[in-house]
Amino acid sequence: MKAREAAPLKLYATDCEGPVSKNDNAYELCEHFLPEGAAFFERVSRYDDYLADVVGKPGYRPGDTLRLILPFLRAYGVSERDAEKFSEATLLLMPGAKEVIGFLKARMSVYMISTSYRPYVRVLCRALDLPEDHTYSTEVAFDRYEVREEERRLLSGLLEEIVGMPLIQLPPEAKAPSDLDPESREVVLRMDEIFWKVLPGTLCWRMAEDVRPVGGEEKARALEDALTREGVRPEHALYVGDSITDMEAFRWLRSRGGLTISFNGNRYALREAELACISGNALVLAAVGEMFRREGREGVWKLTEGWGPDVLGELLGPELANVLPSDPPPKLVRITEGNREALTVESKKVRKEVRGEAVGRLG
């Protein structure tokens, strides 16, 4: 009798902020440590979206906001210890996220690929009981750099100027600076001057130059590296993300036969993912992961057509299945050109409900 072949190894990779936690740690660091830091971060983040998605600035990656804000954080005295202590005090897990990681970790390789700073990811790993060497994140050595007093005054003045700027408006169809309204074009020109002419002439800018955020192509490279480490083929992997920083990872994996999932994603995520998951509880991702482990992509497509207590109970066991809220029920839909716009509206609504209005509207 011929021996049955072992099922191929599978890998579950996820972004952290959104699918795993409610935080936007960089936003929250700015809000806490900088004067009017929330408004500052939102404006720099919108500029980041413009550079990455509208003009495609050479060498610029989605998520490079984390480079641009670093000299400002350091100018206001933020240390690595400060960042880690603050992250620990403010950590907010998505409901069901710890159960998702625990359930899937027992069945396949689990990796987290995050644009977030390493101190935050370190805290998250402790909360999830996830090995830190199964994560990729933005390495930053806050304490290696000092900001001179004259540069501190310069950064303080620039921060005040940025906070006073109107928020750049990015029409969904924008593909060039000329597609922006006149006020937004004026803001972009001044931001260009600040970040690519004024600050590069300072010593503190070395901090931004030395950091390589894990966003865009870096996330795709991290995913490829995780697959190589585990000996898993791309078509046997799935990736969960929710924002502009996940687009390249989505594209890379989708082109190689893997499965890509937007979890409460914004328009950038829904543009590139194949599956939309909209839910106030992450536990639905455990069911998707388990079905993918058993039956691959085709099994997940079947899952989208057959939601119900019986299906969830069979995949997760009654104990976990009963934890998943039924009102409102989680939504799992295959994305098409015909439903993408409606799903984007619905996904963004839940995104803001789950993570808060300010964090929910960030790119």
Protein backbone atom coordinates (compact mmCIF):
# COMPACT_ATOMS: atom_id res chain seq x y z
CA MET A 1 0.00 0.00 0.00
CA LYS A 2 1.43 3.37 -1.03
CA ALA A 3 2.23 5.70 1.88
CA ARG A 4 0.20 8.86 1.96
CA GLU A 5 2.23 11.98 1.16
CA ALA A 6 2.68 14.45 3.99
CA ALA A 7 0.85 17.75 3.57
CA PRO A 8 3.17 20.54 2.42
CA LEU A 9 4.46 22.94 5.04
CA LYS A 10 2.42 26.15 5.34
CA LEU A 11 3.34 29.62 6.59
CA TYR A 12 1.14 32.33 8.08
CA ALA A 13 2.62 35.84 7.90
CA THR A 14 0.92 38.91 9.29
CA ASP A 15 1.40 42.62 9.68
CA CYS A 16 1.09 43.59 13.34
CA GLU A 17 -0.75 46.93 13.63
CA GLY A 18 -4.28 46.20 12.45
CA PRO A 19 -4.51 42.41 12.28
CA VAL A 20 -2.77 41.85 15.66
CA SER A 21 -2.97 45.12 17.59
CA LYS A 22 -5.11 48.25 17.57
CA ASN A 23 -2.14 50.59 18.00
CA ASP A 24 -0.37 52.83 15.58
CA ASN A 25 2.71 52.99 17.78
CA ALA A 26 4.58 55.70 15.84
CA TYR A 27 1.50 57.94 15.84
CA GLU A 28 1.05 57.36 19.57
CA LEU A 29 4.72 58.08 20.32
CA CYS A 30 4.40 61.41 18.52
CA GLU A 31 1.10 62.20 20.21
CA HIS A 32 2.59 61.54 23.65
CA PHE A 33 6.10 63.00 23.37
CA LEU A 34 5.76 65.88 20.88
CA PRO A 35 3.73 69.09 21.21
CA GLU A 36 0.65 68.63 19.00
CA GLY A 37 2.27 65.37 17.94
CA ALA A 38 -0.92 63.79 16.61
CA ALA A 39 -1.41 66.58 14.06
CA PHE A 40 2.28 66.45 13.19
CA PHE A 41 2.26 62.70 12.55
CA GLU A 42 -0.93 62.80 10.51
CA ARG A 43 0.54 65.43 8.18
CA VAL A 44 3.85 63.61 7.74
CA SER A 45 1.99 60.31 7.19
CA ARG A 46 -0.16 61.87 4.47
CA TYR A 47 3.01 63.23 2.84
CA ASP A 48 4.41 59.67 3.03
CA ASP A 49 1.34 58.40 1.14
CA TYR A 50 1.89 61.08 -1.49
CA LEU A 51 5.56 60.20 -2.00
CA ALA A 52 4.95 56.44 -2.11
CA ASP A 53 1.71 56.20 -4.06
CA VAL A 54 1.32 59.36 -6.15
CA VAL A 55 4.82 60.32 -7.32
CA GLY A 56 6.73 57.12 -6.53
CA LYS A 57 9.80 58.99 -5.26
CA PRO A 58 12.90 56.93 -6.17
CA GLY A 59 14.28 55.07 -3.16
CA TYR A 60 11.27 55.96 -1.04
CA ARG A 61 9.19 53.20 0.56
CA PRO A 62 5.74 53.27 2.15
CA GLY A 63 6.29 53.55 5.89
CA ASP A 64 9.30 55.85 5.62
CA THR A 65 7.30 58.15 7.88
CA LEU A 66 9.20 56.30 10.62
CA ARG A 67 12.45 57.74 9.23
CA LEU A 68 11.12 61.27 8.86
CA ILE A 69 9.84 61.59 12.44
CA LEU A 70 12.92 60.16 14.19
CA PRO A 71 14.97 63.37 14.53
CA PHE A 72 11.91 65.09 16.01
CA LEU A 73 11.35 62.32 18.58
CA ARG A 74 15.02 62.40 19.57
CA ALA A 75 15.01 66.20 19.76
CA TYR A 76 12.34 65.90 22.44
CA GLY A 77 14.42 63.39 24.38
CA VAL A 78 12.81 60.07 23.47
CA SER A 79 15.11 57.13 24.33
CA GLU A 80 14.81 53.43 23.52
CA ARG A 81 13.73 52.77 27.10
CA ASP A 82 11.07 55.50 26.79
CA ALA A 83 9.76 53.93 23.59
CA GLU A 84 9.58 50.44 25.08
CA LYS A 85 8.02 51.52 28.39
CA PHE A 86 5.44 53.64 26.56
CA SER A 87 4.66 50.75 24.16
CA GLU A 88 4.15 48.37 27.07
CA ALA A 89 1.84 50.81 28.87
CA THR A 90 -0.30 51.49 25.79
CA LEU A 91 -0.39 48.09 24.03
CA LEU A 92 -3.87 47.22 22.77
CA LEU A 93 -4.31 43.78 21.22
CA MET A 94 -7.08 43.11 18.74
CA PRO A 95 -9.73 40.91 20.37
CA GLY A 96 -8.91 37.32 19.47
CA ALA A 97 -5.37 38.10 18.25
CA LYS A 98 -3.56 36.16 20.96
CA GLU A 99 -5.79 33.16 20.30
CA VAL A 100 -5.09 33.40 16.55
CA ILE A 101 -1.32 33.34 17.05
CA GLY A 102 -1.49 30.51 19.60
CA PHE A 103 -3.85 28.39 17.50
CA LEU A 104 -1.90 28.76 14.25
CA LYS A 105 1.56 28.55 15.87
CA ALA A 106 0.70 24.99 16.89
CA ARG A 107 -0.12 24.08 13.26
CA MET A 108 2.25 25.99 10.98
CA SER A 109 5.07 28.53 10.92
CA VAL A 110 3.90 31.96 12.07
CA TYR A 111 5.80 35.19 11.31
CA MET A 112 5.04 38.84 11.99
CA ILE A 113 6.31 41.43 9.49
CA SER A 114 5.93 44.96 10.78
CA THR A 115 6.94 48.49 9.89
CA SER A 116 6.78 49.35 13.61
CA TYR A 117 9.87 50.17 15.65
CA ARG A 118 11.58 47.20 17.31
CA PRO A 119 10.81 48.27 20.95
CA TYR A 120 7.08 48.02 20.20
CA VAL A 121 7.42 44.66 18.46
CA ARG A 122 9.48 43.36 21.39
CA VAL A 123 6.60 44.22 23.75
CA LEU A 124 4.09 42.64 21.37
CA CYS A 125 6.09 39.40 21.19
CA ARG A 126 6.02 39.10 24.97
CA ALA A 127 2.26 39.60 25.02
CA LEU A 128 1.68 37.02 22.26
CA ASP A 129 4.32 34.48 23.32
CA LEU A 130 5.75 34.76 19.81
CA PRO A 131 9.52 34.24 19.38
CA GLU A 132 11.16 37.54 18.51
CA ASP A 133 13.25 35.82 15.85
CA HIS A 134 10.00 35.14 13.98
CA THR A 135 9.50 38.86 13.46
CA TYR A 136 10.79 41.57 11.14
CA SER A 137 10.53 45.22 12.16
CA THR A 138 12.23 48.60 11.93
CA GLU A 139 15.49 48.55 13.86
CA VAL A 140 16.34 51.87 15.46
CA ALA A 141 18.99 52.87 18.02
CA PHE A 142 17.47 55.97 19.63
CA ASP A 143 20.28 56.30 22.17
CA ARG A 144 23.08 56.36 19.62
CA TYR A 145 22.23 59.90 18.52
CA GLU A 146 22.24 63.28 20.18
CA VAL A 147 20.64 66.45 18.86
CA ARG A 148 22.55 69.72 19.30
CA GLU A 149 20.74 72.65 20.85
CA GLU A 150 20.66 74.74 17.63
CA GLU A 151 19.25 71.77 15.73
CA ARG A 152 16.74 71.14 18.51
CA ARG A 153 15.48 74.70 18.03
CA LEU A 154 15.32 74.17 14.26
CA LEU A 155 13.31 70.94 14.66
CA SER A 156 10.98 72.62 17.15
CA GLY A 157 10.28 75.40 14.66
CA LEU A 158 9.74 72.99 11.78
CA LEU A 159 7.39 70.87 13.87
CA GLU A 160 5.31 73.95 14.69
CA GLU A 161 5.24 74.87 10.99
CA ILE A 162 4.15 71.38 9.91
CA VAL A 163 1.38 71.28 12.52
CA GLY A 164 0.03 74.53 11.08
CA MET A 165 -0.13 73.18 7.52
CA PRO A 166 -3.39 72.02 5.94
CA LEU A 167 -3.67 68.23 5.57
CA ILE A 168 -2.70 67.12 2.06
CA GLN A 169 -5.76 65.89 0.16
CA LEU A 170 -5.11 62.82 -2.01
CA PRO A 171 -7.86 61.96 -4.50
CA PRO A 172 -7.99 58.17 -5.03
CA GLU A 173 -7.15 58.62 -8.72
CA ALA A 174 -4.18 60.98 -8.13
CA LYS A 175 -1.09 59.93 -10.13
CA ALA A 176 0.88 63.20 -10.33
CA PRO A 177 1.31 66.44 -8.34
CA SER A 178 -0.96 68.19 -10.85
CA ASP A 179 -3.84 65.97 -9.64
CA LEU A 180 -3.76 67.67 -6.23
CA ASP A 181 -5.62 70.86 -5.33
CA PRO A 182 -3.50 74.07 -5.26
CA GLU A 183 -3.32 74.19 -1.45
CA SER A 184 -2.11 70.58 -1.23
CA ARG A 185 0.49 71.22 -3.94
CA GLU A 186 1.82 74.13 -1.91
CA VAL A 187 2.10 71.95 1.20
CA VAL A 188 3.90 69.24 -0.77
CA LEU A 189 6.46 71.73 -2.08
CA ARG A 190 7.23 72.97 1.43
CA MET A 191 7.43 69.40 2.80
CA ASP A 192 9.86 68.56 -0.03
CA GLU A 193 12.01 71.49 1.00
CA ILE A 194 11.95 70.56 4.72
CA PHE A 195 12.72 66.86 4.34
CA TRP A 196 15.01 66.82 1.32
CA LYS A 197 16.86 70.18 1.54
CA VAL A 198 16.75 71.65 5.06
CA LEU A 199 17.07 68.56 7.27
CA PRO A 200 19.68 66.71 5.17
CA GLY A 201 22.03 69.60 5.96
CA THR A 202 21.89 68.83 9.70
CA LEU A 203 23.83 66.32 11.80
CA CYS A 204 20.64 64.91 13.30
CA TRP A 205 19.45 63.78 9.86
CA ARG A 206 21.97 60.95 10.04
CA MET A 207 19.45 59.25 12.32
CA ALA A 208 16.92 59.14 9.50
CA GLU A 209 19.54 58.05 6.95
CA ASP A 210 20.68 55.12 9.11
CA VAL A 211 17.20 53.63 9.58
CA ARG A 212 15.57 51.33 7.03
CA PRO A 213 11.87 50.92 7.81
CA VAL A 214 10.32 47.55 6.99
CA GLY A 215 7.68 48.79 4.58
CA GLY A 216 6.91 48.33 0.89
CA GLU A 217 9.62 46.27 -0.81
CA GLU A 218 11.25 45.54 2.56
CA LYS A 219 8.12 43.68 3.65
CA ALA A 220 8.20 41.62 0.45
CA ARG A 221 11.87 40.80 1.10
CA ALA A 222 11.11 39.86 4.70
CA LEU A 223 8.34 37.54 3.55
CA GLU A 224 10.66 35.90 1.03
CA ASP A 225 13.30 35.49 3.75
CA ALA A 226 10.80 33.87 6.15
CA LEU A 227 9.76 31.39 3.45
CA THR A 228 13.38 30.52 2.72
CA ARG A 229 14.13 30.02 6.42
CA GLU A 230 11.18 27.67 6.84
CA GLY A 231 11.55 25.87 3.51
CA VAL A 232 8.01 26.84 2.45
CA ARG A 233 7.05 27.59 -1.14
CA PRO A 234 5.22 30.90 -1.78
CA GLU A 235 2.02 29.16 -2.93
CA HIS A 236 1.82 27.58 0.53
CA ALA A 237 1.90 30.93 2.36
CA LEU A 238 -0.69 33.52 3.24
CA TYR A 239 -0.10 37.13 4.23
CA VAL A 240 -2.45 39.40 6.20
CA GLY A 241 -2.12 43.19 6.04
CA ASP A 242 -4.16 46.36 6.18
CA SER A 243 -2.32 49.37 4.74
CA ILE A 244 -0.06 50.97 2.15
CA THR A 245 3.03 49.35 3.70
CA ASP A 246 1.65 45.89 2.78
CA MET A 247 1.06 46.49 -0.92
CA GLU A 248 4.41 45.13 -2.15
CA ALA A 249 4.16 42.02 0.01
CA PHE A 250 0.67 41.44 -1.35
CA ARG A 251 1.87 41.85 -4.94
CA TRP A 252 4.90 39.61 -4.44
CA LEU A 253 2.99 36.75 -2.84
CA ARG A 254 -0.06 36.98 -5.09
CA SER A 255 2.11 36.74 -8.22
CA ARG A 256 3.58 33.51 -6.85
CA GLY A 257 0.32 31.80 -5.99
CA GLY A 258 0.07 32.60 -2.28
CA LEU A 259 -3.00 34.01 -0.55
CA THR A 260 -3.32 37.71 0.35
CA ILE A 261 -5.83 39.01 2.90
CA SER A 262 -6.86 42.55 3.81
CA PHE A 263 -8.00 42.70 7.44
CA ASN A 264 -10.05 45.87 8.02
CA GLY A 265 -7.81 47.36 5.36
CA ASN A 266 -7.80 50.80 3.80
CA ARG A 267 -8.02 51.48 0.06
CA TYR A 268 -4.34 50.65 -0.48
CA ALA A 269 -4.70 47.18 1.03
CA LEU A 270 -7.95 46.43 -0.79
CA ARG A 271 -6.35 47.46 -4.06
CA GLU A 272 -3.83 44.59 -3.86
CA ALA A 273 -5.34 41.84 -1.66
CA GLU A 274 -7.55 39.02 -2.94
CA LEU A 275 -9.64 38.48 0.18
CA ALA A 276 -11.33 41.06 2.40
CA CYS A 277 -11.84 40.19 6.04
CA ILE A 278 -13.92 42.76 7.92
CA SER A 279 -14.37 42.08 11.61
CA GLY A 280 -14.08 43.51 15.10
CA ASN A 281 -12.46 40.26 16.21
CA ALA A 282 -9.29 38.73 14.73
CA LEU A 283 -10.29 35.15 15.52
CA VAL A 284 -11.80 34.77 12.07
CA LEU A 285 -8.19 34.73 10.78
CA ALA A 286 -7.55 31.51 12.70
CA ALA A 287 -10.35 29.85 10.73
CA VAL A 288 -8.94 31.17 7.44
CA GLY A 289 -5.46 30.01 8.37
CA GLU A 290 -6.66 26.55 9.35
CA MET A 291 -8.67 26.11 6.15
CA PHE A 292 -5.65 27.26 4.15
CA ARG A 293 -3.49 24.75 5.99
CA ARG A 294 -5.90 21.95 5.14
CA GLU A 295 -7.05 22.80 1.62
CA GLY A 296 -5.05 25.79 0.35
CA ARG A 297 -6.53 28.69 -1.61
CA GLU A 298 -9.44 26.66 -2.99
CA GLY A 299 -10.47 25.72 0.51
CA VAL A 300 -10.50 29.38 1.54
CA TRP A 301 -12.67 30.28 -1.46
CA LYS A 302 -15.11 27.58 -0.32
CA LEU A 303 -14.99 29.05 3.16
CA THR A 304 -16.17 32.43 1.85
CA GLU A 305 -19.29 30.74 0.50
CA GLY A 306 -20.13 28.70 3.58
CA TRP A 307 -19.84 30.77 6.74
CA GLY A 308 -21.71 29.42 9.71
CA PRO A 309 -21.36 28.03 13.26
CA ASP A 310 -20.89 24.46 12.02
CA VAL A 311 -17.99 25.41 9.73
CA LEU A 312 -16.25 27.48 12.42
CA GLY A 313 -16.76 24.79 15.03
CA GLU A 314 -15.22 22.17 12.79
CA LEU A 315 -12.19 24.38 11.98
CA LEU A 316 -11.53 25.91 15.40
CA GLY A 317 -13.24 23.58 17.84
CA PRO A 318 -16.32 24.66 19.82
CA GLU A 319 -14.35 26.46 22.53
CA LEU A 320 -12.78 28.98 20.15
CA ALA A 321 -15.71 29.11 17.71
CA ASN A 322 -18.02 30.24 20.51
CA VAL A 323 -15.73 33.16 21.33
CA LEU A 324 -16.18 34.69 17.87
CA PRO A 325 -18.97 37.29 18.07
CA SER A 326 -21.99 36.65 15.87
CA ASP A 327 -23.35 40.21 15.96
CA PRO A 328 -22.19 41.66 13.70
CA PRO A 329 -20.81 38.53 12.06
CA PRO A 330 -17.33 38.72 10.52
CA LYS A 331 -17.32 39.30 6.78
CA LEU A 332 -15.07 37.27 4.49
CA VAL A 333 -15.37 38.14 0.80
CA ARG A 334 -13.32 37.51 -2.30
CA ILE A 335 -12.41 40.92 -3.77
CA THR A 336 -13.45 41.69 -7.35
CA GLU A 337 -13.45 44.84 -9.45
CA GLY A 338 -17.21 44.91 -8.98
CA ASN A 339 -17.23 44.89 -5.17
CA ARG A 340 -13.92 46.59 -4.33
CA GLU A 341 -15.35 50.09 -3.85
CA ALA A 342 -18.19 48.95 -1.57
CA LEU A 343 -15.82 46.75 0.43
CA THR A 344 -13.42 49.69 0.84
CA VAL A 345 -16.16 51.85 2.34
CA GLU A 346 -17.28 49.07 4.70
CA SER A 347 -13.74 48.07 5.65
CA LYS A 348 -12.69 51.65 6.42
CA LYS A 349 -15.80 52.11 8.59
CA VAL A 350 -14.98 49.07 10.73
CA ARG A 351 -11.29 50.02 10.74
CA LYS A 352 -12.15 53.36 12.36
CA GLU A 353 -14.61 51.77 14.78
CA VAL A 354 -12.02 49.22 15.93
CA ARG A 355 -8.88 51.38 16.02
CA GLY A 356 -10.32 54.86 16.54
CA GLU A 357 -11.00 57.65 14.08
CA ALA A 358 -7.50 59.16 14.05
CA VAL A 359 -5.56 55.90 13.64
CA GLY A 360 -8.17 54.45 11.29
CA ARG A 361 -7.69 57.13 8.66
CA LEU A 362 -3.89 56.85 8.50
CA GLY A 363 -2.39 55.26 5.35
